Amino acid sequence: MKPLVHVQRIASNAYTYRISTHGDQASDDSATFDSLERCLFDAGASLDQYFASVELKLDGLFIGQYATQALRSHPTVVAQRIRQHFQPLRTRAD
């Protein structure tokens, strides 16, 4: 079982996430974070002790698999990679 982290951009600088396993209902939304980096860090920190990696979706688009330790230790690097490879997501809510 590998968790799926659903990150949702709810405003220009506001993100939240939910966690599910494939086929299961997602958990309630997390707190709201003022940056993608903080959202990724919190998701990684909440799962790091239980799972080595997670699958990640951003605004419904599958992004890929990430090590939870990378989300927790290097959220800025992960967020930069996401922004570089998925630029349309940056401007969709603007």
C-alpha atoms as a PDB file:
ATOM      1  CA  MET A   1       0.000   0.000   0.000  1.00  0.00           C
ATOM      2  CA  LYS A   2       1.417   3.344  -1.070  1.00  0.00           C
ATOM      3  CA  PRO A   3      -0.380   6.520  -0.017  1.00  0.00           C
ATOM      4  CA  LEU A   4      -1.515   9.104  -2.523  1.00  0.00           C
ATOM      5  CA  VAL A   5      -1.135  12.739  -1.472  1.00  0.00           C
ATOM      6  CA  HIS A   6      -3.629  15.044  -3.192  1.00  0.00           C
ATOM      7  CA  VAL A   7      -2.304  18.632  -3.045  1.00  0.00           C
ATOM      8  CA  GLN A   8      -4.871  21.264  -3.964  1.00  0.00           C
ATOM      9  CA  ARG A   9      -4.173  24.905  -4.709  1.00  0.00           C
ATOM     10  CA  ILE A  10      -7.101  26.818  -3.225  1.00  0.00           C
ATOM     11  CA  ALA A  11      -5.818  30.384  -3.817  1.00  0.00           C
ATOM     12  CA  SER A  12      -2.755  32.032  -5.323  1.00  0.00           C
ATOM     13  CA  ASN A  13      -0.718  31.339  -2.161  1.00  0.00           C
ATOM     14  CA  ALA A  14      -2.802  28.732  -0.368  1.00  0.00           C
ATOM     15  CA  TYR A  15      -2.492  24.954  -0.500  1.00  0.00           C
ATOM     16  CA  THR A  16      -4.049  22.043   1.304  1.00  0.00           C
ATOM     17  CA  TYR A  17      -3.670  18.280   0.982  1.00  0.00           C
ATOM     18  CA  ARG A  18      -5.516  15.022   1.587  1.00  0.00           C
ATOM     19  CA  ILE A  19      -4.093  11.529   1.910  1.00  0.00           C
ATOM     20  CA  SER A  20      -5.653   8.368   0.528  1.00  0.00           C
ATOM     21  CA  THR A  21      -4.689   4.889  -0.492  1.00  0.00           C
ATOM     22  CA  HIS A  22      -5.666   3.716  -3.933  1.00  0.00           C
ATOM     23  CA  GLY A  23      -9.336   2.841  -3.912  1.00  0.00           C
ATOM     24  CA  ASP A  24      -9.987   4.287  -0.457  1.00  0.00           C
ATOM     25  CA  GLN A  25     -11.689   7.513   0.475  1.00  0.00           C
ATOM     26  CA  ALA A  26      -9.296  10.401   1.134  1.00  0.00           C
ATOM     27  CA  SER A  27      -8.785  11.825   4.583  1.00  0.00           C
ATOM     28  CA  ASP A  28     -10.109  15.250   5.482  1.00  0.00           C
ATOM     29  CA  ASP A  29      -8.194  18.237   4.149  1.00  0.00           C
ATOM     30  CA  SER A  30      -5.144  19.330   6.068  1.00  0.00           C
ATOM     31  CA  ALA A  31      -4.617  22.807   7.389  1.00  0.00           C
ATOM     32  CA  THR A  32      -4.102  25.534   4.800  1.00  0.00           C
ATOM     33  CA  PHE A  33      -0.485  26.398   4.003  1.00  0.00           C
ATOM     34  CA  ASP A  34       0.846  29.640   2.535  1.00  0.00           C
ATOM     35  CA  SER A  35       3.218  27.898   0.121  1.00  0.00           C
ATOM     36  CA  LEU A  36       3.576  24.672  -1.797  1.00  0.00           C
ATOM     37  CA  GLU A  37       6.830  24.042   0.069  1.00  0.00           C
ATOM     38  CA  ARG A  38       5.158  24.146   3.487  1.00  0.00           C
ATOM     39  CA  CYS A  39       2.354  21.923   2.275  1.00  0.00           C
ATOM     40  CA  LEU A  40       4.834  19.347   0.932  1.00  0.00           C
ATOM     41  CA  PHE A  41       6.863  19.506   4.144  1.00  0.00           C
ATOM     42  CA  ASP A  42       3.813  18.844   6.308  1.00  0.00           C
ATOM     43  CA  ALA A  43       2.675  15.933   4.128  1.00  0.00           C
ATOM     44  CA  GLY A  44       6.168  14.434   4.228  1.00  0.00           C
ATOM     45  CA  ALA A  45       6.508  14.934   7.974  1.00  0.00           C
ATOM     46  CA  SER A  46       3.138  13.309   8.664  1.00  0.00           C
ATOM     47  CA  LEU A  47       3.981  10.200   6.611  1.00  0.00           C
ATOM     48  CA  ASP A  48       7.771   9.873   6.912  1.00  0.00           C
ATOM     49  CA  GLN A  49       7.770   7.496   9.855  1.00  0.00           C
ATOM     50  CA  TYR A  50       5.278   5.157   8.165  1.00  0.00           C
ATOM     51  CA  PHE A  51       6.088   5.200   4.429  1.00  0.00           C
ATOM     52  CA  ALA A  52       9.295   5.485   2.412  1.00  0.00           C
ATOM     53  CA  SER A  53       7.533   7.080  -0.556  1.00  0.00           C
ATOM     54  CA  VAL A  54       4.221   8.493  -1.698  1.00  0.00           C
ATOM     55  CA  GLU A  55       2.511   9.232  -4.977  1.00  0.00           C
ATOM     56  CA  LEU A  56       1.680  12.881  -5.491  1.00  0.00           C
ATOM     57  CA  LYS A  57      -1.099  14.698  -7.326  1.00  0.00           C
ATOM     58  CA  LEU A  58      -1.304  18.469  -7.703  1.00  0.00           C
ATOM     59  CA  ASP A  59      -4.675  19.938  -8.657  1.00  0.00           C
ATOM     60  CA  GLY A  60      -5.767  16.509  -9.888  1.00  0.00           C
ATOM     61  CA  LEU A  61      -2.720  15.952 -12.120  1.00  0.00           C
ATOM     62  CA  PHE A  62      -0.495  13.007 -11.259  1.00  0.00           C
ATOM     63  CA  ILE A  63       3.004  14.371 -10.597  1.00  0.00           C
ATOM     64  CA  GLY A  64       4.918  11.221  -9.690  1.00  0.00           C
ATOM     65  CA  GLN A  65       6.408   9.306  -6.797  1.00  0.00           C
ATOM     66  CA  TYR A  66       8.507  11.044  -4.148  1.00  0.00           C
ATOM     67  CA  ALA A  67      10.399   9.876  -1.103  1.00  0.00           C
ATOM     68  CA  THR A  68       8.684  11.155   2.022  1.00  0.00           C
ATOM     69  CA  GLN A  69      12.109  12.049   3.374  1.00  0.00           C
ATOM     70  CA  ALA A  70      12.637  14.353   0.350  1.00  0.00           C
ATOM     71  CA  LEU A  71       9.302  16.078   0.991  1.00  0.00           C
ATOM     72  CA  ARG A  72      10.291  16.643   4.592  1.00  0.00           C
ATOM     73  CA  SER A  73      13.976  17.479   4.136  1.00  0.00           C
ATOM     74  CA  HIS A  74      13.965  19.262   0.768  1.00  0.00           C
ATOM     75  CA  PRO A  75      10.475  20.651   0.101  1.00  0.00           C
ATOM     76  CA  THR A  76      11.869  23.692  -1.740  1.00  0.00           C
ATOM     77  CA  VAL A  77      13.739  21.492  -4.226  1.00  0.00           C
ATOM     78  CA  VAL A  78      10.674  19.289  -4.799  1.00  0.00           C
ATOM     79  CA  ALA A  79       8.441  22.350  -5.280  1.00  0.00           C
ATOM     80  CA  GLN A  80      10.915  23.864  -7.767  1.00  0.00           C
ATOM     81  CA  ARG A  81      10.941  20.647  -9.801  1.00  0.00           C
ATOM     82  CA  ILE A  82       7.170  20.562  -9.837  1.00  0.00           C
ATOM     83  CA  ARG A  83       7.006  24.179 -10.983  1.00  0.00           C
ATOM     84  CA  GLN A  84       9.612  23.608 -13.711  1.00  0.00           C
ATOM     85  CA  HIS A  85       7.904  20.546 -15.139  1.00  0.00           C
ATOM     86  CA  PHE A  86       4.288  21.580 -14.637  1.00  0.00           C
ATOM     87  CA  GLN A  87       4.291  25.328 -15.313  1.00  0.00           C
ATOM     88  CA  PRO A  88       0.615  25.512 -16.337  1.00  0.00           C
ATOM     89  CA  LEU A  89      -0.324  24.638 -12.753  1.00  0.00           C
ATOM     90  CA  ARG A  90       1.391  27.831 -11.536  1.00  0.00           C
ATOM     91  CA  THR A  91      -0.814  30.116 -13.565  1.00  0.00           C
ATOM     92  CA  ARG A  92      -4.120  28.272 -13.480  1.00  0.00           C
ATOM     93  CA  ALA A  93      -5.374  29.900 -10.254  1.00  0.00           C
ATOM     94  CA  ASP A  94      -3.760  33.301 -10.920  1.00  0.00           C
END
